[in-house]
Amino acid sequence: MKKLFICLVTLGFLCLSGSAYDQTGTVNGRQVMNISILRHQLFMQHGIDPKYASLVNPLKPNAGNIKDGKRMYERNCAACHGPGGLGNGEAGKNLNPAPTDIATLSKMPMATDGYLYWTIAEGGVPVGSAMPPFKATLKDSEIWKIVIYLREI
């Protein structure tokens, strides 16, 4: 079922990949879905770096980790991704591609623990976006707490 869903989502993206559709999820200038098309294409074509692919969050989604994750998110992510993770933060308004709606993305089947960790750790480097990599500035446990929080928003 999961593979069927991924195939259908991919087919939908391919159908929309005409000249009117750009990497920020807009059709003829109208926002359709603020999910990084660049990261999605990279993922669908090549997967993620094998060192991240099989990662599973070692932390439990308890109240303390959610609270810490929210604090880390607010400090490191909310300026661009917005307080609710919708990609509407003040600092991200002029970025191209626009920051992703990570509140929605984090609930999608492709958003495994490894995928979310990879996205935060490597930032926009693999896809050429402005998102900074956090692997050198955040501890592993801090990234995992952000992943836990993303699943809650």
Protein backbone atom coordinates (compact mmCIF):
# COMPACT_ATOMS: atom_id res chain seq x y z
CA MET A 1 0.00 0.00 0.00
CA LYS A 2 2.84 2.36 0.90
CA LYS A 3 4.58 1.71 -2.44
CA LEU A 4 1.32 2.32 -4.29
CA PHE A 5 0.85 5.65 -2.52
CA ILE A 6 4.41 6.73 -3.34
CA CYS A 7 3.88 5.75 -6.97
CA LEU A 8 0.65 7.72 -7.15
CA VAL A 9 2.26 10.79 -5.59
CA THR A 10 5.16 10.51 -8.02
CA LEU A 11 2.77 10.15 -10.94
CA GLY A 12 0.92 13.25 -9.77
CA PHE A 13 4.18 15.22 -9.65
CA LEU A 14 5.13 13.98 -13.10
CA CYS A 15 1.75 15.02 -14.49
CA LEU A 16 2.26 18.47 -13.06
CA SER A 17 5.84 18.76 -14.27
CA GLY A 18 4.90 20.76 -17.35
CA SER A 19 6.27 24.23 -18.00
CA ALA A 20 3.71 25.88 -15.71
CA TYR A 21 4.96 23.96 -12.67
CA ASP A 22 8.12 25.08 -10.89
CA GLN A 23 10.33 23.73 -8.08
CA THR A 24 8.48 25.60 -5.34
CA GLY A 25 5.15 23.85 -5.85
CA THR A 26 3.34 26.57 -7.77
CA VAL A 27 1.25 26.31 -10.89
CA ASN A 28 1.03 29.52 -12.92
CA GLY A 29 2.16 31.51 -9.90
CA ARG A 30 -0.42 30.01 -7.48
CA GLN A 31 0.86 28.03 -4.50
CA VAL A 32 -0.43 24.46 -4.69
CA MET A 33 1.63 22.64 -2.10
CA ASN A 34 4.71 24.03 -0.44
CA ILE A 35 6.75 20.83 -0.51
CA SER A 36 10.27 20.96 -1.93
CA ILE A 37 9.94 19.56 -5.41
CA LEU A 38 13.74 19.58 -5.71
CA ARG A 39 14.22 17.42 -2.60
CA HIS A 40 11.32 15.17 -3.63
CA GLN A 41 12.84 14.63 -7.09
CA LEU A 42 16.26 13.89 -5.61
CA PHE A 43 14.69 11.43 -3.19
CA MET A 44 12.64 9.68 -5.90
CA GLN A 45 15.59 9.41 -8.30
CA HIS A 46 18.42 8.57 -5.91
CA GLY A 47 16.99 7.98 -2.45
CA ILE A 48 18.92 9.52 0.39
CA ASP A 49 22.53 9.14 1.42
CA PRO A 50 22.86 5.52 2.64
CA LYS A 51 24.30 6.70 5.96
CA TYR A 52 20.88 8.24 6.74
CA ALA A 53 18.52 5.82 4.98
CA SER A 54 18.11 3.28 7.78
CA LEU A 55 18.22 5.66 10.73
CA VAL A 56 15.50 5.28 13.33
CA ASN A 57 14.92 7.87 16.01
CA PRO A 58 16.36 6.46 19.24
CA LEU A 59 14.37 8.95 21.36
CA LYS A 60 10.80 8.46 22.54
CA PRO A 61 8.12 11.05 21.75
CA ASN A 62 7.53 11.93 25.39
CA ALA A 63 6.55 15.33 26.78
CA GLY A 64 10.14 16.33 27.59
CA ASN A 65 11.48 15.49 24.12
CA ILE A 66 8.55 17.22 22.42
CA LYS A 67 9.12 20.34 24.53
CA ASP A 68 12.87 20.30 23.80
CA GLY A 69 12.17 19.68 20.10
CA LYS A 70 9.80 22.63 19.98
CA ARG A 71 12.43 24.85 21.60
CA MET A 72 15.08 23.67 19.09
CA TYR A 73 12.63 24.15 16.20
CA GLU A 74 11.77 27.68 17.34
CA ARG A 75 15.47 28.55 17.67
CA ASN A 76 16.66 27.01 14.39
CA CYS A 77 13.75 26.49 12.00
CA ALA A 78 10.75 28.74 12.68
CA ALA A 79 12.28 31.90 11.20
CA CYS A 80 12.00 30.37 7.72
CA HIS A 81 9.48 27.53 8.14
CA GLY A 82 7.09 29.51 10.36
CA PRO A 83 5.83 28.85 13.88
CA GLY A 84 3.49 26.09 12.69
CA GLY A 85 5.86 24.62 10.09
CA LEU A 86 3.82 25.83 7.11
CA GLY A 87 6.79 27.38 5.27
CA ASN A 88 5.58 30.90 5.97
CA GLY A 89 8.27 32.32 8.27
CA GLU A 90 9.34 35.93 7.86
CA ALA A 91 12.97 35.09 7.07
CA GLY A 92 11.90 32.73 4.29
CA LYS A 93 9.55 35.02 2.39
CA ASN A 94 12.10 35.98 -0.27
CA LEU A 95 13.81 32.61 -0.61
CA ASN A 96 13.60 30.66 -3.85
CA PRO A 97 12.76 27.90 -3.50
CA ALA A 98 10.47 28.82 -0.64
CA PRO A 99 10.82 26.98 2.68
CA THR A 100 8.90 23.72 2.76
CA ASP A 101 5.64 23.10 4.61
CA ILE A 102 7.32 20.67 6.96
CA ALA A 103 4.18 20.23 9.05
CA THR A 104 2.63 18.43 6.07
CA LEU A 105 5.81 16.83 4.77
CA SER A 106 6.60 15.23 8.13
CA LYS A 107 3.35 13.22 7.91
CA MET A 108 3.97 11.90 4.39
CA PRO A 109 5.10 8.27 3.87
CA MET A 110 8.45 9.35 2.40
CA ALA A 111 9.27 11.26 5.60
CA THR A 112 10.93 8.42 7.46
CA ASP A 113 13.10 9.18 10.45
CA GLY A 114 16.15 8.90 8.21
CA TYR A 115 14.67 11.26 5.61
CA LEU A 116 13.87 13.94 8.19
CA TYR A 117 17.24 13.55 9.90
CA TRP A 118 18.98 13.80 6.50
CA THR A 119 16.99 16.90 5.60
CA ILE A 120 17.93 18.68 8.83
CA ALA A 121 21.54 17.47 8.95
CA GLU A 122 22.39 18.22 5.32
CA GLY A 123 20.03 21.17 4.86
CA GLY A 124 19.62 22.48 1.35
CA VAL A 125 23.11 21.49 0.19
CA PRO A 126 21.94 18.37 -1.75
CA VAL A 127 19.24 20.34 -3.58
CA GLY A 128 20.76 23.81 -3.86
CA SER A 129 18.36 25.60 -1.51
CA ALA A 130 19.19 28.19 1.15
CA MET A 131 18.53 25.89 4.10
CA PRO A 132 21.74 25.61 6.11
CA PRO A 133 23.06 22.20 7.14
CA PHE A 134 22.70 21.64 10.88
CA LYS A 135 24.93 18.57 11.31
CA ALA A 136 27.81 20.72 12.60
CA THR A 137 25.75 23.01 14.84
CA LEU A 138 23.23 20.64 16.42
CA LYS A 139 23.90 17.48 18.38
CA ASP A 140 22.35 14.23 17.13
CA SER A 141 19.94 14.27 20.06
CA GLU A 142 18.85 17.82 19.19
CA ILE A 143 18.09 16.86 15.58
CA TRP A 144 16.13 13.83 16.80
CA LYS A 145 14.11 16.04 19.15
CA ILE A 146 13.25 18.34 16.24
CA VAL A 147 12.12 15.26 14.27
CA ILE A 148 9.88 14.29 17.20
CA TYR A 149 8.42 17.79 17.33
CA LEU A 150 7.81 17.87 13.56
CA ARG A 151 5.67 14.77 13.90
CA GLU A 152 3.57 16.61 16.53
CA ILE A 153 2.85 19.86 14.66
